[in-house]
Amino acid sequence: MSRKTRANSQVGVWRLNLLRLMFITIVLGLGWRLADIQVFNADFLRNQGDARHIRNVEVIAHRGMILDRHGEPLAISTPVHSVWLNPQVFDGDSTEITILAKTLGIRTKSINKKIKNNKKREFVYLKRRVTPEVANKVDNLNITGLALQREYKRYYPMGEVTSHLVGFTNIDDMGQEGLELMHDDVLTGLPGLKKMVRDSRGNYVEGGEQLKPTKDGQNIQLSIDLRLQYLTYQSLKEAVTHYRAKSGSAVVLDTRTGEVLAMVNQPSFNPNNRRGLKSSDYRNRAVTDLFEPGSTVKPFTMASGLQSGKFVPSSIIDTRPGTLKISGHTIKDFRDYGQIDMATLIQKSSNVGASKIALAVKPEDLWHDFAAFGMAEPTGGYFPGEATGSLPDPKKWRELDRATLSYGYGLALSALQLARGYMVLANGGILQPISFIKLTEKSVGRRVYSSNVMNQVVIMMEGVVEEGGTAKLAAVENYHVAGKTGTVKKASRGGYAEKQYLSLFAGIIPSSKPRLAMVVMIDDPKGEEYYGGLVAGPVFSKVMTGAMRLLNIPPDDLPVNELQVAEK
């Protein structure tokens, strides 16, 4: 073999060995990398993968329902979807973004701005609580980084019939007004936690490992009877519309328990669509708004007179000549009623007679007797925004203050407070707390008057709805009603307005064995008819006529022949 041939052979061997060395190095490198991935850094890489596809996701708790006393739903939570995107992986082109914006009913510019301003975030809402139809359209777009999230939306089946009472929640299902706010802690559940896998589009795959259980909110059952609530709403709305009044409120209480069976206001609002509404539209006027109650407190004045021992039901009060001058001011009656007993005083609503009774009672005693009806104190219902009213300090009273207090000027209360006061008349002198929740046992009240005094006043009040009384239109066929009207001049700058009134009626039924107390207040009715007996009285009659039938309360004023048949 020549020298040249041997040299070429050695070069060939060297090249072959180099190739072998390179191949072995590559194999060892791959082996080492494989070992590094599978053995040394397996946990790290697994965690990195999980970080991109596995999340601990909060599972929203279901908010409890609000039910009426018979189990009818007044507020429920329904499942919906919200649309969100991950700006870091969102890959929709301009055409897809335009389609998405049109589907959601938002501007393309708004979507682009959210993507641009949230590049470092993984979660940005585009639109909350969309309809199922919109959710399906979004899902069919198949855009990476665009996803749906399941949430709950509050729905109110009775709409404006119960809106001021039930209230509403915000977009995060937290109570904002009414009983939704009052019982938010009970209705709101505790969210759970799940470990879930996301697909390439950012949607969570069904299933997942439960890390923390979800605790749904509790249901609450109100004292409200939905049948009475609707009847009261309908009757009040009809009156407010007919008289073109500014507003109105009505409250119905169970006199045995203090439960609120119905509470409505006009104008109302739809809690399912609150666009364009102001915060003032949400307030529950029956609880938050104060007014001077006028002659509806004359039964309280009668009770104070009887309690003092200076008067009995047959006492004669001289109201001649229909006027009474005190401290340069003249108190007037509708006409000169002459010498009348206390029952006629209530029936005719004599301001002069009521003033003379109040002036005969010591100021401290008069204040105490009015306060005994729950004036200027919370009702015990704890409704958000409840106003407590005012009852002036008797040490500062002049004679004129005592006189005007007797027929309802100089103090302030809410419709709910006035209804609670009438409940004292109805249940024989026991002042009970109000409840918006259905009670399983009777609440404990306190005695503030003797049952004898209350019974005497109630009997006097029956004449108000009889022939010759101020509220014949408040009568309920076959039932005794004890009530009182009020026609109050509205306060204005510098005194009282001449042609603006509050029309009021407050009553209890059946008066021989009271079951319900109701207050109707209509603010500023227009036209010639503005007296409480003409405007508010008929609302009481309509509601109570239906209530007696719905609650199956037996009549206590049947004609003699019908009574004999009933007894047989």
Protein backbone atom coordinates (compact mmCIF):
# COMPACT_ATOMS: atom_id res chain seq x y z
CA MET A 1 0.00 0.00 0.00
CA SER A 2 1.40 3.31 -1.02
CA ARG A 3 1.97 6.19 1.41
CA LYS A 4 -0.80 8.19 -0.25
CA THR A 5 -3.30 5.38 0.10
CA ARG A 6 -2.48 4.96 3.82
CA ALA A 7 -2.90 8.69 4.40
CA ASN A 8 -6.31 8.67 2.75
CA SER A 9 -7.35 5.67 4.84
CA GLN A 10 -6.32 7.39 8.10
CA VAL A 11 -8.31 10.51 7.17
CA GLY A 12 -11.36 8.36 6.49
CA VAL A 13 -11.08 6.67 9.90
CA TRP A 14 -10.68 10.03 11.63
CA ARG A 15 -13.77 11.40 9.94
CA LEU A 16 -15.73 8.30 10.84
CA ASN A 17 -14.68 8.54 14.49
CA LEU A 18 -15.60 12.23 14.55
CA LEU A 19 -19.00 11.40 13.16
CA ARG A 20 -19.41 8.65 15.74
CA LEU A 21 -18.36 11.05 18.52
CA MET A 22 -20.83 13.65 17.33
CA PHE A 23 -23.64 11.08 17.18
CA ILE A 24 -22.82 9.78 20.67
CA THR A 25 -22.72 13.37 22.00
CA ILE A 26 -26.11 14.09 20.46
CA VAL A 27 -27.58 10.90 21.91
CA LEU A 28 -26.09 11.67 25.34
CA GLY A 29 -27.41 15.25 25.11
CA LEU A 30 -30.89 14.06 24.24
CA GLY A 31 -30.71 11.49 26.99
CA TRP A 32 -29.64 14.11 29.50
CA ARG A 33 -32.42 16.48 28.35
CA LEU A 34 -34.92 13.68 28.61
CA ALA A 35 -33.73 12.86 32.11
CA ASP A 36 -33.81 16.55 33.03
CA ILE A 37 -37.42 16.86 31.84
CA GLN A 38 -38.69 13.56 33.18
CA VAL A 39 -36.73 13.32 36.44
CA PHE A 40 -34.96 16.46 37.67
CA ASN A 41 -37.42 19.22 36.54
CA ALA A 42 -40.65 17.28 36.19
CA ASP A 43 -42.44 19.16 38.99
CA PHE A 44 -41.33 22.55 37.71
CA LEU A 45 -42.48 21.88 34.15
CA ARG A 46 -45.72 20.33 35.34
CA ASN A 47 -46.40 23.43 37.39
CA GLN A 48 -45.62 25.63 34.40
CA GLY A 49 -48.12 23.69 32.31
CA ASP A 50 -50.70 23.84 35.04
CA ALA A 51 -50.17 27.58 35.37
CA ARG A 52 -51.18 27.98 31.74
CA HIS A 53 -54.17 25.61 31.73
CA ILE A 54 -55.28 24.97 35.34
CA ARG A 55 -56.85 27.54 37.62
CA ASN A 56 -58.41 27.63 41.06
CA VAL A 57 -61.78 29.06 40.12
CA GLU A 58 -64.27 30.63 42.54
CA VAL A 59 -67.68 28.98 42.27
CA ILE A 60 -70.40 31.57 42.83
CA ALA A 61 -72.96 30.72 45.50
CA HIS A 62 -76.66 30.81 44.70
CA ARG A 63 -78.44 33.72 46.43
CA GLY A 64 -81.38 32.70 48.57
CA MET A 65 -84.94 33.35 47.42
CA ILE A 66 -87.35 35.85 48.96
CA LEU A 67 -90.80 34.32 49.39
CA ASP A 68 -94.16 35.59 50.56
CA ARG A 69 -95.86 34.01 53.59
CA HIS A 70 -97.40 31.29 51.38
CA GLY A 71 -94.16 30.43 49.57
CA GLU A 72 -94.74 32.48 46.42
CA PRO A 73 -91.40 33.75 44.99
CA LEU A 74 -90.79 37.50 45.15
CA ALA A 75 -87.06 37.40 44.26
CA ILE A 76 -85.13 34.57 42.61
CA SER A 77 -81.69 34.14 41.03
CA THR A 78 -81.51 32.70 37.53
CA PRO A 79 -78.31 31.40 35.84
CA VAL A 80 -76.87 33.61 33.09
CA HIS A 81 -73.52 34.07 31.32
CA SER A 82 -71.13 36.99 31.24
CA VAL A 83 -68.67 37.57 28.37
CA TRP A 84 -64.99 38.11 29.13
CA LEU A 85 -61.65 37.98 27.35
CA ASN A 86 -57.98 37.36 28.08
CA PRO A 87 -56.06 40.25 26.46
CA GLN A 88 -52.83 38.22 26.52
CA VAL A 89 -54.09 35.53 24.15
CA PHE A 90 -57.06 37.16 22.42
CA ASP A 91 -56.54 36.74 18.64
CA GLY A 92 -59.71 38.14 17.11
CA ASP A 93 -59.11 40.10 13.90
CA SER A 94 -60.84 43.40 13.09
CA THR A 95 -63.74 41.66 11.33
CA GLU A 96 -64.36 39.32 14.27
CA ILE A 97 -64.15 42.21 16.74
CA THR A 98 -66.76 44.11 14.71
CA ILE A 99 -69.08 41.08 14.74
CA LEU A 100 -68.48 40.63 18.49
CA ALA A 101 -69.28 44.28 19.21
CA LYS A 102 -72.51 44.07 17.22
CA THR A 103 -73.50 40.85 19.00
CA LEU A 104 -72.95 42.39 22.44
CA GLY A 105 -74.47 45.74 21.52
CA ILE A 106 -71.30 47.67 22.40
CA ARG A 107 -68.85 49.77 20.38
CA THR A 108 -65.85 48.23 18.58
CA LYS A 109 -63.75 51.05 20.00
CA SER A 110 -64.67 49.94 23.52
CA ILE A 111 -63.40 46.38 22.92
CA ASN A 112 -60.12 47.57 21.39
CA LYS A 113 -59.59 49.95 24.28
CA LYS A 114 -60.07 47.19 26.86
CA ILE A 115 -57.57 44.97 25.04
CA LYS A 116 -55.01 47.77 24.78
CA ASN A 117 -55.34 48.97 28.39
CA ASN A 118 -55.26 45.51 29.97
CA LYS A 119 -52.40 43.76 28.17
CA LYS A 120 -50.96 42.43 31.43
CA ARG A 121 -54.24 41.05 32.71
CA GLU A 122 -55.78 37.67 32.02
CA PHE A 123 -59.40 38.56 32.73
CA VAL A 124 -61.52 41.52 31.57
CA TYR A 125 -65.32 41.64 31.41
CA LEU A 126 -66.84 42.73 28.11
CA LYS A 127 -70.50 42.46 29.12
CA ARG A 128 -72.20 41.06 32.20
CA ARG A 129 -75.33 38.93 32.27
CA VAL A 130 -76.18 38.52 28.60
CA THR A 131 -79.22 36.65 27.30
CA PRO A 132 -78.88 32.94 26.39
CA GLU A 133 -79.26 33.88 22.71
CA VAL A 134 -76.32 36.30 22.88
CA ALA A 135 -74.24 33.80 24.84
CA ASN A 136 -74.74 31.18 22.11
CA LYS A 137 -73.71 33.62 19.39
CA VAL A 138 -70.55 34.58 21.29
CA ASP A 139 -69.68 30.92 21.85
CA ASN A 140 -70.07 30.17 18.13
CA LEU A 141 -67.53 32.86 17.18
CA ASN A 142 -64.71 30.50 18.32
CA ILE A 143 -62.25 33.28 19.07
CA THR A 144 -59.24 32.30 21.17
CA GLY A 145 -59.15 34.26 24.42
CA LEU A 146 -62.90 34.98 24.38
CA ALA A 147 -64.97 33.06 26.92
CA LEU A 148 -68.20 32.87 28.92
CA GLN A 149 -68.56 32.79 32.70
CA ARG A 150 -71.62 31.46 34.49
CA GLU A 151 -73.22 33.89 36.96
CA TYR A 152 -76.63 34.57 38.51
CA LYS A 153 -79.05 37.38 37.77
CA ARG A 154 -81.73 38.49 40.24
CA TYR A 155 -85.27 38.40 38.90
CA TYR A 156 -88.39 39.83 40.52
CA PRO A 157 -91.54 38.02 39.29
CA MET A 158 -93.96 40.62 40.71
CA GLY A 159 -92.07 43.63 39.32
CA GLU A 160 -93.30 46.97 40.63
CA VAL A 161 -95.98 45.39 42.86
CA THR A 162 -93.31 44.55 45.47
CA SER A 163 -90.39 46.72 44.34
CA HIS A 164 -90.22 49.25 47.21
CA LEU A 165 -90.56 46.50 49.78
CA VAL A 166 -88.26 43.80 48.35
CA GLY A 167 -85.69 46.20 46.86
CA PHE A 168 -83.02 44.91 44.49
CA THR A 169 -79.38 43.79 44.14
CA ASN A 170 -76.51 45.23 42.10
CA ILE A 171 -74.74 43.51 39.22
CA ASP A 172 -72.68 41.46 41.69
CA ASP A 173 -75.88 40.19 43.38
CA MET A 174 -75.40 42.24 46.56
CA GLY A 175 -78.44 43.82 48.22
CA GLN A 176 -78.80 47.55 47.56
CA GLU A 177 -82.31 48.50 48.70
CA GLY A 178 -85.23 47.20 50.74
CA LEU A 179 -85.30 43.72 52.23
CA GLU A 180 -82.58 42.60 49.80
CA LEU A 181 -80.26 44.98 51.66
CA MET A 182 -81.73 44.34 55.11
CA HIS A 183 -81.20 40.55 54.88
CA ASP A 184 -78.16 40.56 52.59
CA ASP A 185 -76.02 38.54 55.03
CA VAL A 186 -78.60 35.75 55.17
CA LEU A 187 -79.41 35.72 51.46
CA THR A 188 -75.76 35.82 50.34
CA GLY A 189 -74.01 32.46 50.35
CA LEU A 190 -70.32 31.58 50.62
CA PRO A 191 -68.53 30.93 47.30
CA GLY A 192 -66.72 27.64 46.77
CA LEU A 193 -63.41 26.86 45.05
CA LYS A 194 -62.67 24.43 42.21
CA LYS A 195 -59.48 23.39 40.38
CA MET A 196 -60.42 23.52 36.71
CA VAL A 197 -58.69 23.07 33.32
CA ARG A 198 -58.96 25.66 30.54
CA ASP A 199 -58.86 24.78 26.86
CA SER A 200 -56.88 26.68 24.21
CA ARG A 201 -59.69 29.26 23.87
CA GLY A 202 -59.70 30.02 27.58
CA ASN A 203 -62.97 28.24 28.36
CA TYR A 204 -63.13 26.06 31.46
CA VAL A 205 -63.67 22.37 30.87
CA GLU A 206 -66.55 20.77 32.76
CA GLY A 207 -65.71 18.86 35.93
CA GLY A 208 -62.73 19.75 38.05
CA GLU A 209 -61.61 19.02 41.59
CA GLN A 210 -63.71 20.53 44.40
CA LEU A 211 -61.35 22.34 46.79
CA LYS A 212 -63.95 24.16 48.88
CA PRO A 213 -67.70 23.48 48.89
CA THR A 214 -70.16 26.20 47.93
CA LYS A 215 -72.70 27.26 50.57
CA ASP A 216 -75.81 28.71 48.98
CA GLY A 217 -77.68 31.58 50.63
CA GLN A 218 -80.73 30.93 52.78
CA ASN A 219 -84.28 31.62 51.66
CA ILE A 220 -86.30 34.11 53.71
CA GLN A 221 -90.08 34.01 54.06
CA LEU A 222 -91.74 37.38 54.45
CA SER A 223 -94.88 38.24 56.35
CA ILE A 224 -96.29 39.66 53.11
CA ASP A 225 -99.41 38.05 51.67
CA LEU A 226 -98.95 38.44 47.92
CA ARG A 227 -102.71 38.40 47.34
CA LEU A 228 -103.21 41.38 49.65
CA GLN A 229 -100.09 43.06 48.31
CA TYR A 230 -101.43 42.98 44.76
CA LEU A 231 -104.92 44.09 45.82
CA THR A 232 -103.49 47.03 47.80
CA TYR A 233 -101.15 47.99 44.96
CA GLN A 234 -103.94 47.94 42.40
CA SER A 235 -106.37 49.97 44.57
CA LEU A 236 -103.79 52.60 45.53
CA LYS A 237 -102.57 53.03 41.96
CA GLU A 238 -106.13 53.49 40.75
CA ALA A 239 -106.76 56.24 43.32
CA VAL A 240 -103.45 58.06 42.71
CA THR A 241 -104.08 57.99 38.95
CA HIS A 242 -107.72 59.07 39.25
CA TYR A 243 -106.92 62.06 41.46
CA ARG A 244 -103.67 62.88 39.63
CA ALA A 245 -101.91 62.82 42.98
CA LYS A 246 -98.20 63.32 43.50
CA SER A 247 -97.75 60.02 45.34
CA GLY A 248 -99.40 57.58 47.74
CA SER A 249 -98.65 54.92 50.35
CA ALA A 250 -100.65 52.13 51.98
CA VAL A 251 -99.85 49.68 54.78
CA VAL A 252 -101.81 46.65 56.04
CA LEU A 253 -100.88 45.04 59.39
CA ASP A 254 -102.00 41.90 61.18
CA THR A 255 -103.14 43.36 64.52
CA ARG A 256 -102.58 40.08 66.35
CA THR A 257 -98.92 39.64 65.45
CA GLY A 258 -97.62 42.96 64.11
CA GLU A 259 -96.76 41.33 60.76
CA VAL A 260 -96.79 43.53 57.65
CA LEU A 261 -99.22 41.86 55.23
CA ALA A 262 -99.00 44.52 52.51
CA MET A 263 -97.00 47.68 51.88
CA VAL A 264 -97.13 49.62 48.61
CA ASN A 265 -96.24 53.03 47.21
CA GLN A 266 -97.04 55.06 44.13
CA PRO A 267 -95.35 55.85 41.85
CA SER A 268 -93.53 52.54 41.75
CA PHE A 269 -90.70 51.16 39.59
CA ASN A 270 -89.73 47.94 37.83
CA PRO A 271 -86.69 46.41 39.59
CA ASN A 272 -86.01 44.25 36.52
CA ASN A 273 -85.30 47.34 34.40
CA ARG A 274 -84.00 50.36 36.29
CA ARG A 275 -82.73 52.46 33.38
CA GLY A 276 -83.30 56.16 33.81
CA LEU A 277 -84.40 55.94 37.43
CA LYS A 278 -83.14 58.23 40.20
CA SER A 279 -82.24 57.15 43.73
CA SER A 280 -85.34 58.95 45.03
CA ASP A 281 -87.52 56.59 42.97
CA TYR A 282 -86.37 53.67 45.12
CA ARG A 283 -87.38 54.95 48.54
CA ASN A 284 -90.14 53.19 50.41
CA ARG A 285 -92.30 56.20 51.27
CA ALA A 286 -94.43 54.25 53.73
CA VAL A 287 -91.34 53.89 55.94
CA THR A 288 -89.01 56.77 55.07
CA ASP A 289 -91.34 59.74 54.47
CA LEU A 290 -92.71 61.72 57.41
CA PHE A 291 -95.88 63.83 57.44
CA GLU A 292 -98.22 65.54 59.87
CA PRO A 293 -101.05 63.02 60.37
CA GLY A 294 -103.90 65.46 60.92
CA SER A 295 -107.17 64.21 62.38
CA THR A 296 -106.12 60.54 62.18
CA VAL A 297 -104.57 61.07 65.65
CA LYS A 298 -107.80 62.32 67.25
CA PRO A 299 -108.45 58.81 68.62
CA PHE A 300 -105.13 59.19 70.47
CA THR A 301 -106.38 62.48 71.92
CA MET A 302 -109.62 60.77 73.00
CA ALA A 303 -107.60 57.99 74.64
CA SER A 304 -105.50 60.55 76.55
CA GLY A 305 -108.65 62.31 77.77
CA LEU A 306 -110.21 59.06 78.98
CA GLN A 307 -106.92 57.96 80.55
CA SER A 308 -106.75 61.21 82.53
CA GLY A 309 -110.03 60.44 84.26
CA LYS A 310 -111.40 63.89 83.36
CA PHE A 311 -113.56 62.50 80.58
CA VAL A 312 -115.86 59.56 79.94
CA PRO A 313 -117.49 58.61 76.61
CA SER A 314 -120.67 60.48 77.55
CA SER A 315 -118.84 63.70 78.49
CA ILE A 316 -120.25 66.75 76.73
CA ILE A 317 -117.82 69.13 75.03
CA ASP A 318 -119.06 72.56 74.05
CA THR A 319 -117.70 73.40 70.59
CA ARG A 320 -119.79 76.52 70.09
CA PRO A 321 -119.51 78.67 68.00
CA GLY A 322 -117.35 76.35 65.90
CA THR A 323 -114.18 78.34 66.58
CA LEU A 324 -111.64 78.59 69.40
CA LYS A 325 -109.13 81.41 69.82
CA ILE A 326 -105.77 80.56 71.44
CA SER A 327 -102.80 82.92 71.59
CA GLY A 328 -104.14 85.03 68.76
CA HIS A 329 -104.82 82.03 66.49
CA THR A 330 -108.27 80.74 65.55
CA ILE A 331 -108.99 77.00 65.46
CA LYS A 332 -111.98 76.18 63.25
CA ASP A 333 -114.46 73.36 62.72
CA PHE A 334 -116.17 72.63 59.42
CA ARG A 335 -119.30 74.09 61.06
CA ASP A 336 -120.71 74.75 64.53
CA TYR A 337 -121.45 71.32 66.05
CA GLY A 338 -122.72 72.76 69.33
CA GLN A 339 -122.54 70.63 72.48
CA ILE A 340 -121.46 67.11 71.56
CA ASP A 341 -120.30 63.93 73.26
CA MET A 342 -116.94 62.31 72.50
CA ALA A 343 -118.33 59.85 69.94
CA THR A 344 -119.85 62.73 67.95
CA LEU A 345 -116.57 64.62 68.26
CA ILE A 346 -114.80 61.74 66.50
CA GLN A 347 -117.59 61.24 63.97
CA LYS A 348 -117.70 64.91 62.97
CA SER A 349 -113.92 65.39 63.44
CA SER A 350 -114.20 68.51 65.61
CA ASN A 351 -110.88 70.37 65.95
CA VAL A 352 -112.38 72.61 68.65
CA GLY A 353 -113.53 69.63 70.71
CA ALA A 354 -110.20 67.81 70.38
CA SER A 355 -108.33 70.97 71.40
CA LYS A 356 -110.43 71.38 74.55
CA ILE A 357 -109.70 67.79 75.60
CA ALA A 358 -105.95 68.23 75.01
CA LEU A 359 -105.91 71.49 76.99
CA ALA A 360 -107.55 69.71 79.93
CA VAL A 361 -104.74 67.14 80.11
CA LYS A 362 -101.35 67.96 81.63
CA PRO A 363 -98.68 68.49 78.91
CA GLU A 364 -96.44 65.72 80.26
CA ASP A 365 -99.37 63.29 80.37
CA LEU A 366 -100.49 64.23 76.86
CA TRP A 367 -96.96 63.66 75.55
CA HIS A 368 -96.71 60.31 77.34
CA ASP A 369 -100.11 59.17 76.05
CA PHE A 370 -99.19 60.00 72.43
CA ALA A 371 -95.78 58.34 72.79
CA ALA A 372 -97.55 55.21 74.06
CA PHE A 373 -98.87 54.69 70.51
CA GLY A 374 -95.29 54.37 69.23
CA MET A 375 -94.84 57.95 68.07
CA ALA A 376 -91.23 59.10 67.53
CA GLU A 377 -89.71 55.65 68.02
CA PRO A 378 -88.59 52.86 65.66
CA THR A 379 -91.28 50.36 64.73
CA GLY A 380 -89.08 47.33 65.35
CA GLY A 381 -89.11 46.29 61.69
CA TYR A 382 -85.56 47.67 61.06
CA PHE A 383 -86.33 48.54 57.44
CA PRO A 384 -83.38 50.35 55.78
CA GLY A 385 -83.81 54.11 55.93
CA GLU A 386 -86.70 53.98 58.40
CA ALA A 387 -87.58 57.40 59.83
CA THR A 388 -88.55 57.62 63.50
CA GLY A 389 -90.58 60.82 63.30
CA SER A 390 -90.84 63.52 65.94
CA LEU A 391 -92.92 64.38 69.00
CA PRO A 392 -91.88 67.75 70.45
CA ASP A 393 -90.68 68.19 74.04
CA PRO A 394 -93.72 69.02 76.25
CA LYS A 395 -91.62 71.41 78.33
CA LYS A 396 -91.54 73.74 75.34
CA TRP A 397 -95.25 73.50 74.52
CA ARG A 398 -97.48 76.52 74.52
CA GLU A 399 -101.26 76.14 74.76
CA LEU A 400 -101.46 76.47 70.99
CA ASP A 401 -98.99 73.59 70.56
CA ARG A 402 -101.12 71.29 72.72
CA ALA A 403 -104.25 72.28 70.85
CA THR A 404 -102.82 71.70 67.36
CA LEU A 405 -101.22 68.43 68.48
CA SER A 406 -104.70 67.15 69.35
CA TYR A 407 -105.72 67.22 65.68
CA GLY A 408 -102.41 66.15 64.19
CA TYR A 409 -100.22 69.19 63.60
CA GLY A 410 -96.81 69.74 65.19
CA LEU A 411 -95.72 66.10 65.12
CA ALA A 412 -94.41 63.93 62.29
CA LEU A 413 -94.66 60.22 61.60
CA SER A 414 -94.65 57.67 58.77
CA ALA A 415 -97.54 55.64 57.40
CA LEU A 416 -96.08 52.55 59.07
CA GLN A 417 -95.88 54.30 62.45
CA LEU A 418 -99.48 55.46 62.18
CA ALA A 419 -100.61 51.92 61.31
CA ARG A 420 -98.72 50.62 64.32
CA GLY A 421 -100.50 53.18 66.51
CA TYR A 422 -103.86 51.92 65.27
CA MET A 423 -102.74 48.40 66.06
CA VAL A 424 -102.59 49.49 69.74
CA LEU A 425 -106.26 50.47 69.49
CA ALA A 426 -107.07 47.16 67.80
CA ASN A 427 -105.41 44.79 70.27
CA GLY A 428 -106.55 46.35 73.52
CA GLY A 429 -103.64 48.61 74.45
CA ILE A 430 -100.63 46.42 73.60
CA LEU A 431 -97.79 48.06 71.62
CA GLN A 432 -96.08 45.41 69.50
CA PRO A 433 -93.01 45.56 67.23
CA ILE A 434 -93.52 45.37 63.49
CA SER A 435 -92.21 42.37 61.54
CA PHE A 436 -91.52 41.97 57.81
CA ILE A 437 -90.66 38.29 58.38
CA LYS A 438 -93.33 35.61 58.84
CA LEU A 439 -93.52 34.81 62.55
CA THR A 440 -93.81 31.31 63.91
CA GLU A 441 -95.01 32.61 67.27
CA LYS A 442 -96.61 35.84 68.46
CA SER A 443 -94.22 38.67 69.23
CA VAL A 444 -94.02 40.06 72.75
CA GLY A 445 -95.44 43.55 73.17
CA ARG A 446 -95.92 45.85 76.14
CA ARG A 447 -99.11 47.19 77.64
CA VAL A 448 -99.42 50.95 77.21
CA TYR A 449 -103.17 51.45 77.75
CA SER A 450 -105.98 49.65 79.54
CA SER A 451 -108.15 47.50 77.30
CA ASN A 452 -111.21 49.34 78.61
CA VAL A 453 -109.99 52.72 77.32
CA MET A 454 -109.06 51.24 73.93
CA ASN A 455 -112.44 49.50 73.55
CA GLN A 456 -114.25 52.75 74.34
CA VAL A 457 -112.29 54.66 71.70
CA VAL A 458 -112.81 51.93 69.07
CA ILE A 459 -116.57 52.04 69.60
CA MET A 460 -116.49 55.83 69.14
CA MET A 461 -114.56 55.41 65.88
CA GLU A 462 -117.25 53.19 64.35
CA GLY A 463 -119.42 56.28 63.80
CA VAL A 464 -116.88 57.69 61.33
CA VAL A 465 -117.93 55.24 58.58
CA GLU A 466 -121.62 55.33 59.43
CA GLU A 467 -124.30 57.76 58.25
CA GLY A 468 -123.31 61.26 59.33
CA GLY A 469 -119.60 60.38 59.58
CA THR A 470 -116.73 61.71 57.49
CA ALA A 471 -115.89 58.40 55.77
CA LYS A 472 -119.03 56.61 54.64
CA LEU A 473 -117.09 55.47 51.54
CA ALA A 474 -114.68 53.51 53.76
CA ALA A 475 -117.44 51.17 54.93
CA VAL A 476 -117.18 47.43 54.26
CA GLU A 477 -120.45 45.58 53.79
CA ASN A 478 -121.36 43.23 56.66
CA TYR A 479 -118.39 44.35 58.79
CA HIS A 480 -117.98 46.91 61.55
CA VAL A 481 -115.15 49.34 60.74
CA ALA A 482 -113.50 51.69 63.23
CA GLY A 483 -111.55 54.43 61.50
CA LYS A 484 -110.63 58.05 61.21
CA THR A 485 -110.11 60.44 58.32
CA GLY A 486 -107.46 63.10 57.95
CA THR A 487 -107.25 66.04 55.53
CA VAL A 488 -103.98 67.81 56.19
CA LYS A 489 -102.69 71.03 54.72
CA LYS A 490 -99.18 70.46 53.37
CA ALA A 491 -96.37 72.43 54.92
CA SER A 492 -94.72 74.95 52.64
CA ARG A 493 -92.20 77.73 52.92
CA GLY A 494 -93.50 80.21 55.50
CA GLY A 495 -96.49 78.13 56.64
CA TYR A 496 -99.06 75.88 55.00
CA ALA A 497 -100.17 75.72 51.39
CA GLU A 498 -103.81 76.66 50.80
CA LYS A 499 -104.58 74.22 48.01
CA GLN A 500 -102.24 71.27 48.69
CA TYR A 501 -103.37 68.47 50.97
CA LEU A 502 -102.61 65.01 52.28
CA SER A 503 -105.69 62.78 52.20
CA LEU A 504 -105.64 60.11 54.89
CA PHE A 505 -107.71 57.27 56.24
CA ALA A 506 -106.71 54.88 59.01
CA GLY A 507 -108.89 52.06 60.24
CA ILE A 508 -109.26 48.63 61.83
CA ILE A 509 -111.56 45.77 60.87
CA PRO A 510 -113.65 43.95 62.09
CA SER A 511 -113.91 46.40 64.98
CA SER A 512 -115.69 43.93 67.27
CA LYS A 513 -112.75 41.54 66.99
CA PRO A 514 -109.96 43.34 65.08
CA ARG A 515 -107.76 41.43 62.67
CA LEU A 516 -106.32 44.08 60.33
CA ALA A 517 -105.20 47.69 60.58
CA MET A 518 -104.66 49.79 57.47
CA VAL A 519 -103.41 53.28 56.67
CA VAL A 520 -103.89 54.99 53.29
CA MET A 521 -102.09 58.26 52.52
CA ILE A 522 -102.48 60.09 49.20
CA ASP A 523 -100.27 63.12 48.63
CA ASP A 524 -101.67 66.19 46.87
CA PRO A 525 -104.78 64.95 45.04
CA LYS A 526 -105.92 67.37 42.32
CA GLY A 527 -109.44 68.69 41.88
CA GLU A 528 -112.32 69.60 44.17
CA GLU A 529 -112.30 66.26 46.03
CA TYR A 530 -109.39 66.15 48.45
CA TYR A 531 -110.95 65.11 51.76
CA GLY A 532 -109.57 61.94 53.33
CA GLY A 533 -112.98 60.28 53.47
CA LEU A 534 -113.53 60.81 49.73
CA VAL A 535 -110.03 60.09 48.41
CA ALA A 536 -108.36 57.61 50.82
CA GLY A 537 -111.48 56.02 52.36
CA PRO A 538 -112.54 54.12 49.21
CA VAL A 539 -109.07 52.53 48.94
CA PHE A 540 -109.53 51.12 52.45
CA SER A 541 -112.98 49.80 51.52
CA LYS A 542 -111.78 48.05 48.33
CA VAL A 543 -108.78 46.43 49.96
CA MET A 544 -110.57 45.32 53.11
CA THR A 545 -113.57 43.95 51.18
CA GLY A 546 -111.16 41.67 49.33
CA ALA A 547 -109.08 40.93 52.43
CA MET A 548 -112.07 39.69 54.42
CA ARG A 549 -112.84 37.21 51.67
CA LEU A 550 -109.23 36.13 51.07
CA LEU A 551 -108.51 35.61 54.78
CA ASN A 552 -111.93 34.06 55.42
CA ILE A 553 -112.69 36.46 58.28
CA PRO A 554 -116.35 36.06 59.40
CA PRO A 555 -118.68 39.10 59.24
CA ASP A 556 -119.62 40.90 62.47
CA ASP A 557 -122.36 43.16 61.11
CA LEU A 558 -124.87 40.91 59.32
CA PRO A 559 -128.52 41.96 59.06
CA VAL A 560 -130.70 40.27 61.67
CA ASN A 561 -132.28 37.77 59.27
CA GLU A 562 -128.87 36.77 57.82
CA LEU A 563 -127.39 36.56 61.32
CA GLN A 564 -130.12 34.12 62.39
CA VAL A 565 -129.39 31.96 59.34
CA ALA A 566 -125.64 32.07 60.11
CA GLU A 567 -126.25 31.05 63.73
CA LYS A 568 -128.40 28.07 62.64
